[in-house]
ModelCIF file with pLDDT and N, C-alpha, C, O atoms, coordinates in Angstrom:
data_MODEL
#
_entry.id   MODEL 
#
_entity.id                         1 
_entity.type                       polymer 
_entity.pdbx_number_of_molecules   1 
#
_entity_poly.entity_id                      1 
_entity_poly.type                           'polypeptide(L)' 
_entity_poly.nstd_linkage                   no 
_entity_poly.nstd_monomer                   no 
_entity_poly.pdbx_seq_one_letter_code       VIWTKKVKNPEAYGVVNLNEKNEIIELVEKPETFVSDQAVIGIYYF 
_entity_poly.pdbx_seq_one_letter_code_can   VIWTKKVKNPEAYGVVNLNEKNEIIELVEKPETFVSDQAVIGIYYF 
_entity_poly.pdbx_strand_id                 A 
#
loop_
_entity_poly_seq.entity_id 
_entity_poly_seq.num 
_entity_poly_seq.mon_id 
_entity_poly_seq.hetero 
1 1  VAL n 
1 2  ILE n 
1 3  TRP n 
1 4  THR n 
1 5  LYS n 
1 6  LYS n 
1 7  VAL n 
1 8  LYS n 
1 9  ASN n 
1 10 PRO n 
1 11 GLU n 
1 12 ALA n 
1 13 TYR n 
1 14 GLY n 
1 15 VAL n 
1 16 VAL n 
1 17 ASN n 
1 18 LEU n 
1 19 ASN n 
1 20 GLU n 
1 21 LYS n 
1 22 ASN n 
1 23 GLU n 
1 24 ILE n 
1 25 ILE n 
1 26 GLU n 
1 27 LEU n 
1 28 VAL n 
1 29 GLU n 
1 30 LYS n 
1 31 PRO n 
1 32 GLU n 
1 33 THR n 
1 34 PHE n 
1 35 VAL n 
1 36 SER n 
1 37 ASP n 
1 38 GLN n 
1 39 ALA n 
1 40 VAL n 
1 41 ILE n 
1 42 GLY n 
1 43 ILE n 
1 44 TYR n 
1 45 TYR n 
1 46 PHE n 
#
_struct_asym.id          A 
_struct_asym.entity_id   1 
#
loop_
_ma_qa_metric.id 
_ma_qa_metric.mode 
_ma_qa_metric.name 
_ma_qa_metric.software_group_id 
_ma_qa_metric.type 
1 global pLDDT . pLDDT 
2 local  pLDDT . pLDDT 
#
_ma_qa_metric_global.metric_id      1 
_ma_qa_metric_global.metric_value   93.28 
_ma_qa_metric_global.model_id       1 
_ma_qa_metric_global.ordinal_id     1 
#
loop_
_ma_qa_metric_local.label_asym_id 
_ma_qa_metric_local.label_comp_id 
_ma_qa_metric_local.label_seq_id 
_ma_qa_metric_local.metric_id 
_ma_qa_metric_local.metric_value 
_ma_qa_metric_local.model_id 
_ma_qa_metric_local.ordinal_id 
A VAL 1  2 95.00 1 1  
A ILE 2  2 95.00 1 2  
A TRP 3  2 93.00 1 3  
A THR 4  2 93.00 1 4  
A LYS 5  2 92.00 1 5  
A LYS 6  2 91.00 1 6  
A VAL 7  2 91.00 1 7  
A LYS 8  2 91.00 1 8  
A ASN 9  2 92.00 1 9  
A PRO 10 2 92.00 1 10 
A GLU 11 2 93.00 1 11 
A ALA 12 2 90.00 1 12 
A TYR 13 2 90.00 1 13 
A GLY 14 2 93.00 1 14 
A VAL 15 2 95.00 1 15 
A VAL 16 2 96.00 1 16 
A ASN 17 2 95.00 1 17 
A LEU 18 2 95.00 1 18 
A ASN 19 2 94.00 1 19 
A GLU 20 2 93.00 1 20 
A LYS 21 2 92.00 1 21 
A ASN 22 2 91.00 1 22 
A GLU 23 2 94.00 1 23 
A ILE 24 2 96.00 1 24 
A ILE 25 2 95.00 1 25 
A GLU 26 2 95.00 1 26 
A LEU 27 2 95.00 1 27 
A VAL 28 2 94.00 1 28 
A GLU 29 2 91.00 1 29 
A LYS 30 2 91.00 1 30 
A PRO 31 2 93.00 1 31 
A GLU 32 2 92.00 1 32 
A THR 33 2 93.00 1 33 
A PHE 34 2 93.00 1 34 
A VAL 35 2 94.00 1 35 
A SER 36 2 94.00 1 36 
A ASP 37 2 94.00 1 37 
A GLN 38 2 94.00 1 38 
A ALA 39 2 94.00 1 39 
A VAL 40 2 94.00 1 40 
A ILE 41 2 92.00 1 41 
A GLY 42 2 91.00 1 42 
A ILE 43 2 93.00 1 43 
A TYR 44 2 95.00 1 44 
A TYR 45 2 95.00 1 45 
A PHE 46 2 97.00 1 46 
#
loop_
_atom_site.group_PDB 
_atom_site.id 
_atom_site.type_symbol 
_atom_site.label_atom_id 
_atom_site.label_alt_id 
_atom_site.label_comp_id 
_atom_site.label_asym_id 
_atom_site.label_entity_id 
_atom_site.label_seq_id 
_atom_site.pdbx_PDB_ins_code 
_atom_site.Cartn_x 
_atom_site.Cartn_y 
_atom_site.Cartn_z 
_atom_site.occupancy 
_atom_site.B_iso_or_equiv 
_atom_site.pdbx_formal_charge 
_atom_site.auth_seq_id 
_atom_site.auth_comp_id 
_atom_site.auth_asym_id 
_atom_site.auth_atom_id 
_atom_site.pdbx_PDB_model_num 
ATOM 1   N N  . VAL A 1 1  ? 0.883   -1.085 -0.231  1.00 95.00 ? 1  VAL A N  1 
ATOM 2   C CA . VAL A 1 1  ? -0.245  -0.104 0.209   1.00 95.00 ? 1  VAL A CA 1 
ATOM 3   C C  . VAL A 1 1  ? 1.015   1.337  0.351   1.00 95.00 ? 1  VAL A C  1 
ATOM 4   O O  . VAL A 1 1  ? 1.864   1.363  1.242   1.00 95.00 ? 1  VAL A O  1 
ATOM 5   N N  . ILE A 1 2  ? 0.860   2.495  -0.792  1.00 95.00 ? 2  ILE A N  1 
ATOM 6   C CA . ILE A 1 2  ? 1.126   3.867  -0.819  1.00 95.00 ? 2  ILE A CA 1 
ATOM 7   C C  . ILE A 1 2  ? -0.022  4.352  -0.351  1.00 95.00 ? 2  ILE A C  1 
ATOM 8   O O  . ILE A 1 2  ? -1.168  4.380  -0.799  1.00 95.00 ? 2  ILE A O  1 
ATOM 9   N N  . TRP A 1 3  ? 0.755   4.932  1.157   1.00 93.00 ? 3  TRP A N  1 
ATOM 10  C CA . TRP A 1 3  ? -0.207  6.615  1.141   1.00 93.00 ? 3  TRP A CA 1 
ATOM 11  C C  . TRP A 1 3  ? 0.134   7.546  -0.027  1.00 93.00 ? 3  TRP A C  1 
ATOM 12  O O  . TRP A 1 3  ? 1.110   7.733  -0.752  1.00 93.00 ? 3  TRP A O  1 
ATOM 13  N N  . THR A 1 4  ? -1.244  8.104  0.125   1.00 93.00 ? 4  THR A N  1 
ATOM 14  C CA . THR A 1 4  ? -1.269  9.078  -0.572  1.00 93.00 ? 4  THR A CA 1 
ATOM 15  C C  . THR A 1 4  ? -2.480  10.307 -0.256  1.00 93.00 ? 4  THR A C  1 
ATOM 16  O O  . THR A 1 4  ? -3.413  9.939  0.458   1.00 93.00 ? 4  THR A O  1 
ATOM 17  N N  . LYS A 1 5  ? -2.495  11.458 -0.660  1.00 92.00 ? 5  LYS A N  1 
ATOM 18  C CA . LYS A 1 5  ? -3.257  12.486 -0.989  1.00 92.00 ? 5  LYS A CA 1 
ATOM 19  C C  . LYS A 1 5  ? -3.696  13.274 -1.367  1.00 92.00 ? 5  LYS A C  1 
ATOM 20  O O  . LYS A 1 5  ? -2.893  14.183 -1.575  1.00 92.00 ? 5  LYS A O  1 
ATOM 21  N N  . LYS A 1 6  ? -5.072  13.579 -1.722  1.00 91.00 ? 6  LYS A N  1 
ATOM 22  C CA . LYS A 1 6  ? -5.102  14.566 -3.303  1.00 91.00 ? 6  LYS A CA 1 
ATOM 23  C C  . LYS A 1 6  ? -4.690  15.821 -3.091  1.00 91.00 ? 6  LYS A C  1 
ATOM 24  O O  . LYS A 1 6  ? -4.738  16.433 -2.025  1.00 91.00 ? 6  LYS A O  1 
ATOM 25  N N  . VAL A 1 7  ? -4.326  16.155 -4.015  1.00 91.00 ? 7  VAL A N  1 
ATOM 26  C CA . VAL A 1 7  ? -3.371  17.323 -3.983  1.00 91.00 ? 7  VAL A CA 1 
ATOM 27  C C  . VAL A 1 7  ? -4.139  18.619 -5.319  1.00 91.00 ? 7  VAL A C  1 
ATOM 28  O O  . VAL A 1 7  ? -4.565  18.250 -6.413  1.00 91.00 ? 7  VAL A O  1 
ATOM 29  N N  . LYS A 1 8  ? -4.139  19.474 -5.038  1.00 91.00 ? 8  LYS A N  1 
ATOM 30  C CA . LYS A 1 8  ? -4.328  20.379 -5.916  1.00 91.00 ? 8  LYS A CA 1 
ATOM 31  C C  . LYS A 1 8  ? -3.929  20.627 -7.410  1.00 91.00 ? 8  LYS A C  1 
ATOM 32  O O  . LYS A 1 8  ? -4.567  20.834 -8.443  1.00 91.00 ? 8  LYS A O  1 
ATOM 33  N N  . ASN A 1 9  ? -2.573  20.517 -7.080  1.00 92.00 ? 9  ASN A N  1 
ATOM 34  C CA . ASN A 1 9  ? -1.736  20.999 -8.016  1.00 92.00 ? 9  ASN A CA 1 
ATOM 35  C C  . ASN A 1 9  ? 0.035   19.674 -8.345  1.00 92.00 ? 9  ASN A C  1 
ATOM 36  O O  . ASN A 1 9  ? 1.264   19.743 -8.333  1.00 92.00 ? 9  ASN A O  1 
ATOM 37  N N  . PRO A 1 10 ? -1.577  18.215 -8.694  1.00 92.00 ? 10 PRO A N  1 
ATOM 38  C CA . PRO A 1 10 ? -0.557  17.029 -9.013  1.00 92.00 ? 10 PRO A CA 1 
ATOM 39  C C  . PRO A 1 10 ? 1.088   17.253 -9.470  1.00 92.00 ? 10 PRO A C  1 
ATOM 40  O O  . PRO A 1 10 ? 2.008   16.687 -8.881  1.00 92.00 ? 10 PRO A O  1 
ATOM 41  N N  . GLU A 1 11 ? 1.321   18.383 -10.878 1.00 93.00 ? 11 GLU A N  1 
ATOM 42  C CA . GLU A 1 11 ? 2.033   18.696 -10.967 1.00 93.00 ? 11 GLU A CA 1 
ATOM 43  C C  . GLU A 1 11 ? 3.160   18.952 -10.473 1.00 93.00 ? 11 GLU A C  1 
ATOM 44  O O  . GLU A 1 11 ? 4.154   18.980 -11.199 1.00 93.00 ? 11 GLU A O  1 
ATOM 45  N N  . ALA A 1 12 ? 3.231   19.186 -9.160  1.00 90.00 ? 12 ALA A N  1 
ATOM 46  C CA . ALA A 1 12 ? 4.318   19.291 -8.497  1.00 90.00 ? 12 ALA A CA 1 
ATOM 47  C C  . ALA A 1 12 ? 4.789   17.958 -7.305  1.00 90.00 ? 12 ALA A C  1 
ATOM 48  O O  . ALA A 1 12 ? 5.704   17.976 -6.481  1.00 90.00 ? 12 ALA A O  1 
ATOM 49  N N  . TYR A 1 13 ? 4.177   17.293 -7.483  1.00 90.00 ? 13 TYR A N  1 
ATOM 50  C CA . TYR A 1 13 ? 4.365   15.742 -6.703  1.00 90.00 ? 13 TYR A CA 1 
ATOM 51  C C  . TYR A 1 13 ? 4.935   14.661 -7.610  1.00 90.00 ? 13 TYR A C  1 
ATOM 52  O O  . TYR A 1 13 ? 5.265   14.828 -8.784  1.00 90.00 ? 13 TYR A O  1 
ATOM 53  N N  . GLY A 1 14 ? 4.996   13.690 -7.010  1.00 93.00 ? 14 GLY A N  1 
ATOM 54  C CA . GLY A 1 14 ? 5.198   12.132 -7.234  1.00 93.00 ? 14 GLY A CA 1 
ATOM 55  C C  . GLY A 1 14 ? 3.779   11.456 -7.710  1.00 93.00 ? 14 GLY A C  1 
ATOM 56  O O  . GLY A 1 14 ? 3.380   10.942 -6.665  1.00 93.00 ? 14 GLY A O  1 
ATOM 57  N N  . VAL A 1 15 ? 2.930   11.215 -8.595  1.00 95.00 ? 15 VAL A N  1 
ATOM 58  C CA . VAL A 1 15 ? 1.222   10.786 -8.202  1.00 95.00 ? 15 VAL A CA 1 
ATOM 59  C C  . VAL A 1 15 ? 1.675   9.327  -8.691  1.00 95.00 ? 15 VAL A C  1 
ATOM 60  O O  . VAL A 1 15 ? 2.705   9.018  -9.291  1.00 95.00 ? 15 VAL A O  1 
ATOM 61  N N  . VAL A 1 16 ? 0.340   8.312  -8.154  1.00 96.00 ? 16 VAL A N  1 
ATOM 62  C CA . VAL A 1 16 ? 0.286   7.091  -8.854  1.00 96.00 ? 16 VAL A CA 1 
ATOM 63  C C  . VAL A 1 16 ? -1.046  7.114  -9.857  1.00 96.00 ? 16 VAL A C  1 
ATOM 64  O O  . VAL A 1 16 ? -2.156  7.605  -9.649  1.00 96.00 ? 16 VAL A O  1 
ATOM 65  N N  . ASN A 1 17 ? -0.503  6.365  -11.082 1.00 95.00 ? 17 ASN A N  1 
ATOM 66  C CA . ASN A 1 17 ? -1.710  6.074  -11.988 1.00 95.00 ? 17 ASN A CA 1 
ATOM 67  C C  . ASN A 1 17 ? -2.149  4.504  -11.248 1.00 95.00 ? 17 ASN A C  1 
ATOM 68  O O  . ASN A 1 17 ? -1.551  3.548  -10.754 1.00 95.00 ? 17 ASN A O  1 
ATOM 69  N N  . LEU A 1 18 ? -3.903  5.010  -11.583 1.00 95.00 ? 18 LEU A N  1 
ATOM 70  C CA . LEU A 1 18 ? -4.688  3.639  -11.083 1.00 95.00 ? 18 LEU A CA 1 
ATOM 71  C C  . LEU A 1 18 ? -5.482  2.941  -12.288 1.00 95.00 ? 18 LEU A C  1 
ATOM 72  O O  . LEU A 1 18 ? -6.126  3.619  -13.089 1.00 95.00 ? 18 LEU A O  1 
ATOM 73  N N  . ASN A 1 19 ? -5.404  1.641  -12.361 1.00 94.00 ? 19 ASN A N  1 
ATOM 74  C CA . ASN A 1 19 ? -6.173  0.968  -13.553 1.00 94.00 ? 19 ASN A CA 1 
ATOM 75  C C  . ASN A 1 19 ? -7.951  1.208  -12.357 1.00 94.00 ? 19 ASN A C  1 
ATOM 76  O O  . ASN A 1 19 ? -8.362  1.646  -11.282 1.00 94.00 ? 19 ASN A O  1 
ATOM 77  N N  . GLU A 1 20 ? -8.406  0.450  -13.760 1.00 93.00 ? 20 GLU A N  1 
ATOM 78  C CA . GLU A 1 20 ? -9.861  0.175  -13.440 1.00 93.00 ? 20 GLU A CA 1 
ATOM 79  C C  . GLU A 1 20 ? -9.802  -0.306 -11.798 1.00 93.00 ? 20 GLU A C  1 
ATOM 80  O O  . GLU A 1 20 ? -10.310 0.530  -11.051 1.00 93.00 ? 20 GLU A O  1 
ATOM 81  N N  . LYS A 1 21 ? -9.538  -0.898 -11.470 1.00 92.00 ? 21 LYS A N  1 
ATOM 82  C CA . LYS A 1 21 ? -9.506  -1.766 -10.239 1.00 92.00 ? 21 LYS A CA 1 
ATOM 83  C C  . LYS A 1 21 ? -9.213  -1.244 -9.306  1.00 92.00 ? 21 LYS A C  1 
ATOM 84  O O  . LYS A 1 21 ? -9.127  -2.012 -8.347  1.00 92.00 ? 21 LYS A O  1 
ATOM 85  N N  . ASN A 1 22 ? -8.903  0.226  -9.007  1.00 91.00 ? 22 ASN A N  1 
ATOM 86  C CA . ASN A 1 22 ? -7.690  1.064  -8.301  1.00 91.00 ? 22 ASN A CA 1 
ATOM 87  C C  . ASN A 1 22 ? -6.387  0.701  -7.630  1.00 91.00 ? 22 ASN A C  1 
ATOM 88  O O  . ASN A 1 22 ? -5.859  1.029  -6.568  1.00 91.00 ? 22 ASN A O  1 
ATOM 89  N N  . GLU A 1 23 ? -6.058  -0.093 -8.629  1.00 94.00 ? 23 GLU A N  1 
ATOM 90  C CA . GLU A 1 23 ? -4.827  -1.138 -8.274  1.00 94.00 ? 23 GLU A CA 1 
ATOM 91  C C  . GLU A 1 23 ? -3.089  0.355  -8.634  1.00 94.00 ? 23 GLU A C  1 
ATOM 92  O O  . GLU A 1 23 ? -3.051  0.819  -9.774  1.00 94.00 ? 23 GLU A O  1 
ATOM 93  N N  . ILE A 1 24 ? -2.320  0.689  -7.933  1.00 96.00 ? 24 ILE A N  1 
ATOM 94  C CA . ILE A 1 24 ? -1.739  1.380  -8.423  1.00 96.00 ? 24 ILE A CA 1 
ATOM 95  C C  . ILE A 1 24 ? -0.657  0.226  -10.003 1.00 96.00 ? 24 ILE A C  1 
ATOM 96  O O  . ILE A 1 24 ? -0.500  -0.982 -10.180 1.00 96.00 ? 24 ILE A O  1 
ATOM 97  N N  . ILE A 1 25 ? -0.288  1.230  -10.614 1.00 95.00 ? 25 ILE A N  1 
ATOM 98  C CA . ILE A 1 25 ? 0.409   0.529  -11.815 1.00 95.00 ? 25 ILE A CA 1 
ATOM 99  C C  . ILE A 1 25 ? 1.672   0.898  -12.448 1.00 95.00 ? 25 ILE A C  1 
ATOM 100 O O  . ILE A 1 25 ? 2.408   0.308  -13.238 1.00 95.00 ? 25 ILE A O  1 
ATOM 101 N N  . GLU A 1 26 ? 1.735   2.508  -11.645 1.00 95.00 ? 26 GLU A N  1 
ATOM 102 C CA . GLU A 1 26 ? 2.528   3.213  -11.974 1.00 95.00 ? 26 GLU A CA 1 
ATOM 103 C C  . GLU A 1 26 ? 2.798   4.646  -10.596 1.00 95.00 ? 26 GLU A C  1 
ATOM 104 O O  . GLU A 1 26 ? 2.099   5.132  -9.707  1.00 95.00 ? 26 GLU A O  1 
ATOM 105 N N  . LEU A 1 27 ? 4.044   4.838  -11.057 1.00 95.00 ? 27 LEU A N  1 
ATOM 106 C CA . LEU A 1 27 ? 4.571   5.953  -10.116 1.00 95.00 ? 27 LEU A CA 1 
ATOM 107 C C  . LEU A 1 27 ? 4.283   7.291  -11.676 1.00 95.00 ? 27 LEU A C  1 
ATOM 108 O O  . LEU A 1 27 ? 4.052   6.939  -12.833 1.00 95.00 ? 27 LEU A O  1 
ATOM 109 N N  . VAL A 1 28 ? 4.375   8.452  -11.292 1.00 94.00 ? 28 VAL A N  1 
ATOM 110 C CA . VAL A 1 28 ? 5.200   9.149  -11.882 1.00 94.00 ? 28 VAL A CA 1 
ATOM 111 C C  . VAL A 1 28 ? 5.214   10.418 -11.200 1.00 94.00 ? 28 VAL A C  1 
ATOM 112 O O  . VAL A 1 28 ? 4.392   10.931 -10.442 1.00 94.00 ? 28 VAL A O  1 
ATOM 113 N N  . GLU A 1 29 ? 6.510   10.875 -11.705 1.00 91.00 ? 29 GLU A N  1 
ATOM 114 C CA . GLU A 1 29 ? 7.311   11.939 -11.150 1.00 91.00 ? 29 GLU A CA 1 
ATOM 115 C C  . GLU A 1 29 ? 7.054   13.372 -11.465 1.00 91.00 ? 29 GLU A C  1 
ATOM 116 O O  . GLU A 1 29 ? 7.746   13.901 -12.336 1.00 91.00 ? 29 GLU A O  1 
ATOM 117 N N  . LYS A 1 30 ? 5.989   14.163 -10.754 1.00 91.00 ? 30 LYS A N  1 
ATOM 118 C CA . LYS A 1 30 ? 5.792   15.747 -11.679 1.00 91.00 ? 30 LYS A CA 1 
ATOM 119 C C  . LYS A 1 30 ? 5.328   15.410 -12.739 1.00 91.00 ? 30 LYS A C  1 
ATOM 120 O O  . LYS A 1 30 ? 6.252   15.433 -13.553 1.00 91.00 ? 30 LYS A O  1 
ATOM 121 N N  . PRO A 1 31 ? 4.006   14.971 -13.413 1.00 93.00 ? 31 PRO A N  1 
ATOM 122 C CA . PRO A 1 31 ? 3.715   14.649 -14.202 1.00 93.00 ? 31 PRO A CA 1 
ATOM 123 C C  . PRO A 1 31 ? 3.146   16.232 -15.409 1.00 93.00 ? 31 PRO A C  1 
ATOM 124 O O  . PRO A 1 31 ? 2.362   17.149 -15.167 1.00 93.00 ? 31 PRO A O  1 
ATOM 125 N N  . GLU A 1 32 ? 3.946   15.936 -16.620 1.00 92.00 ? 32 GLU A N  1 
ATOM 126 C CA . GLU A 1 32 ? 3.180   17.341 -17.246 1.00 92.00 ? 32 GLU A CA 1 
ATOM 127 C C  . GLU A 1 32 ? 1.913   17.428 -17.857 1.00 92.00 ? 32 GLU A C  1 
ATOM 128 O O  . GLU A 1 32 ? 1.433   18.473 -18.296 1.00 92.00 ? 32 GLU A O  1 
ATOM 129 N N  . THR A 1 33 ? 1.113   15.778 -17.892 1.00 93.00 ? 33 THR A N  1 
ATOM 130 C CA . THR A 1 33 ? 0.217   16.334 -18.150 1.00 93.00 ? 33 THR A CA 1 
ATOM 131 C C  . THR A 1 33 ? -1.002  15.076 -16.972 1.00 93.00 ? 33 THR A C  1 
ATOM 132 O O  . THR A 1 33 ? -0.153  14.761 -16.138 1.00 93.00 ? 33 THR A O  1 
ATOM 133 N N  . PHE A 1 34 ? -2.035  14.476 -16.621 1.00 93.00 ? 34 PHE A N  1 
ATOM 134 C CA . PHE A 1 34 ? -2.935  14.909 -15.615 1.00 93.00 ? 34 PHE A CA 1 
ATOM 135 C C  . PHE A 1 34 ? -3.005  12.892 -15.595 1.00 93.00 ? 34 PHE A C  1 
ATOM 136 O O  . PHE A 1 34 ? -3.746  12.112 -16.192 1.00 93.00 ? 34 PHE A O  1 
ATOM 137 N N  . VAL A 1 35 ? -2.052  12.705 -14.779 1.00 94.00 ? 35 VAL A N  1 
ATOM 138 C CA . VAL A 1 35 ? -2.119  11.309 -14.810 1.00 94.00 ? 35 VAL A CA 1 
ATOM 139 C C  . VAL A 1 35 ? -2.837  11.004 -13.647 1.00 94.00 ? 35 VAL A C  1 
ATOM 140 O O  . VAL A 1 35 ? -3.290  9.887  -13.894 1.00 94.00 ? 35 VAL A O  1 
ATOM 141 N N  . SER A 1 36 ? -3.303  11.403 -12.260 1.00 94.00 ? 36 SER A N  1 
ATOM 142 C CA . SER A 1 36 ? -4.141  11.616 -11.120 1.00 94.00 ? 36 SER A CA 1 
ATOM 143 C C  . SER A 1 36 ? -3.368  12.348 -9.805  1.00 94.00 ? 36 SER A C  1 
ATOM 144 O O  . SER A 1 36 ? -2.207  12.420 -9.402  1.00 94.00 ? 36 SER A O  1 
ATOM 145 N N  . ASP A 1 37 ? -4.465  12.762 -9.444  1.00 94.00 ? 37 ASP A N  1 
ATOM 146 C CA . ASP A 1 37 ? -4.562  13.973 -8.266  1.00 94.00 ? 37 ASP A CA 1 
ATOM 147 C C  . ASP A 1 37 ? -4.071  13.428 -7.003  1.00 94.00 ? 37 ASP A C  1 
ATOM 148 O O  . ASP A 1 37 ? -3.938  14.106 -5.984  1.00 94.00 ? 37 ASP A O  1 
ATOM 149 N N  . GLN A 1 38 ? -3.765  11.998 -7.113  1.00 94.00 ? 38 GLN A N  1 
ATOM 150 C CA . GLN A 1 38 ? -3.338  11.226 -5.251  1.00 94.00 ? 38 GLN A CA 1 
ATOM 151 C C  . GLN A 1 38 ? -1.719  11.423 -5.653  1.00 94.00 ? 38 GLN A C  1 
ATOM 152 O O  . GLN A 1 38 ? -1.086  10.982 -6.613  1.00 94.00 ? 38 GLN A O  1 
ATOM 153 N N  . ALA A 1 39 ? -1.411  12.061 -4.801  1.00 94.00 ? 39 ALA A N  1 
ATOM 154 C CA . ALA A 1 39 ? 0.276   12.415 -4.229  1.00 94.00 ? 39 ALA A CA 1 
ATOM 155 C C  . ALA A 1 39 ? 0.819   11.579 -3.718  1.00 94.00 ? 39 ALA A C  1 
ATOM 156 O O  . ALA A 1 39 ? 0.087   11.067 -2.871  1.00 94.00 ? 39 ALA A O  1 
ATOM 157 N N  . VAL A 1 40 ? 2.288   10.885 -3.803  1.00 94.00 ? 40 VAL A N  1 
ATOM 158 C CA . VAL A 1 40 ? 2.873   9.872  -2.526  1.00 94.00 ? 40 VAL A CA 1 
ATOM 159 C C  . VAL A 1 40 ? 3.452   10.634 -1.506  1.00 94.00 ? 40 VAL A C  1 
ATOM 160 O O  . VAL A 1 40 ? 4.383   11.437 -1.448  1.00 94.00 ? 40 VAL A O  1 
ATOM 161 N N  . ILE A 1 41 ? 2.540   10.097 -0.612  1.00 92.00 ? 41 ILE A N  1 
ATOM 162 C CA . ILE A 1 41 ? 3.608   11.135 0.604   1.00 92.00 ? 41 ILE A CA 1 
ATOM 163 C C  . ILE A 1 41 ? 5.043   10.621 1.600   1.00 92.00 ? 41 ILE A C  1 
ATOM 164 O O  . ILE A 1 41 ? 5.688   11.219 2.461   1.00 92.00 ? 41 ILE A O  1 
ATOM 165 N N  . GLY A 1 42 ? 5.178   8.978  0.899   1.00 91.00 ? 42 GLY A N  1 
ATOM 166 C CA . GLY A 1 42 ? 6.525   8.979  1.732   1.00 91.00 ? 42 GLY A CA 1 
ATOM 167 C C  . GLY A 1 42 ? 6.389   7.927  2.507   1.00 91.00 ? 42 GLY A C  1 
ATOM 168 O O  . GLY A 1 42 ? 7.257   7.703  3.350   1.00 91.00 ? 42 GLY A O  1 
ATOM 169 N N  . ILE A 1 43 ? 5.293   7.092  2.374   1.00 93.00 ? 43 ILE A N  1 
ATOM 170 C CA . ILE A 1 43 ? 5.142   5.915  4.025   1.00 93.00 ? 43 ILE A CA 1 
ATOM 171 C C  . ILE A 1 43 ? 4.051   5.173  2.885   1.00 93.00 ? 43 ILE A C  1 
ATOM 172 O O  . ILE A 1 43 ? 3.088   5.552  2.218   1.00 93.00 ? 43 ILE A O  1 
ATOM 173 N N  . TYR A 1 44 ? 4.938   3.667  3.122   1.00 95.00 ? 44 TYR A N  1 
ATOM 174 C CA . TYR A 1 44 ? 4.594   2.454  2.370   1.00 95.00 ? 44 TYR A CA 1 
ATOM 175 C C  . TYR A 1 44 ? 4.186   1.364  3.363   1.00 95.00 ? 44 TYR A C  1 
ATOM 176 O O  . TYR A 1 44 ? 4.380   1.633  4.548   1.00 95.00 ? 44 TYR A O  1 
ATOM 177 N N  . TYR A 1 45 ? 3.651   0.176  3.066   1.00 95.00 ? 45 TYR A N  1 
ATOM 178 C CA . TYR A 1 45 ? 3.274   -1.045 3.781   1.00 95.00 ? 45 TYR A CA 1 
ATOM 179 C C  . TYR A 1 45 ? 3.703   -1.699 2.833   1.00 95.00 ? 45 TYR A C  1 
ATOM 180 O O  . TYR A 1 45 ? 3.769   -1.482 1.623   1.00 95.00 ? 45 TYR A O  1 
ATOM 181 N N  . PHE A 1 46 ? 3.979   -2.481 3.444   1.00 97.00 ? 46 PHE A N  1 
ATOM 182 C CA . PHE A 1 46 ? 4.940   -4.086 2.386   1.00 97.00 ? 46 PHE A CA 1 
ATOM 183 C C  . PHE A 1 46 ? 3.898   -5.342 3.254   1.00 97.00 ? 46 PHE A C  1 
ATOM 184 O O  . PHE A 1 46 ? 4.041   -6.540 3.008   1.00 97.00 ? 46 PHE A O  1 
#
């Protein structure tokens, strides 16, 4: 699990890309085009 926070300016953060099952399929650092508004905050569960 990657803990995230919804942000207004996702282009300034590393964000997660989700599939239709709401599973994370990609990490994108400071996306130039919209990927999602869920920013990675630096807390992870394995």
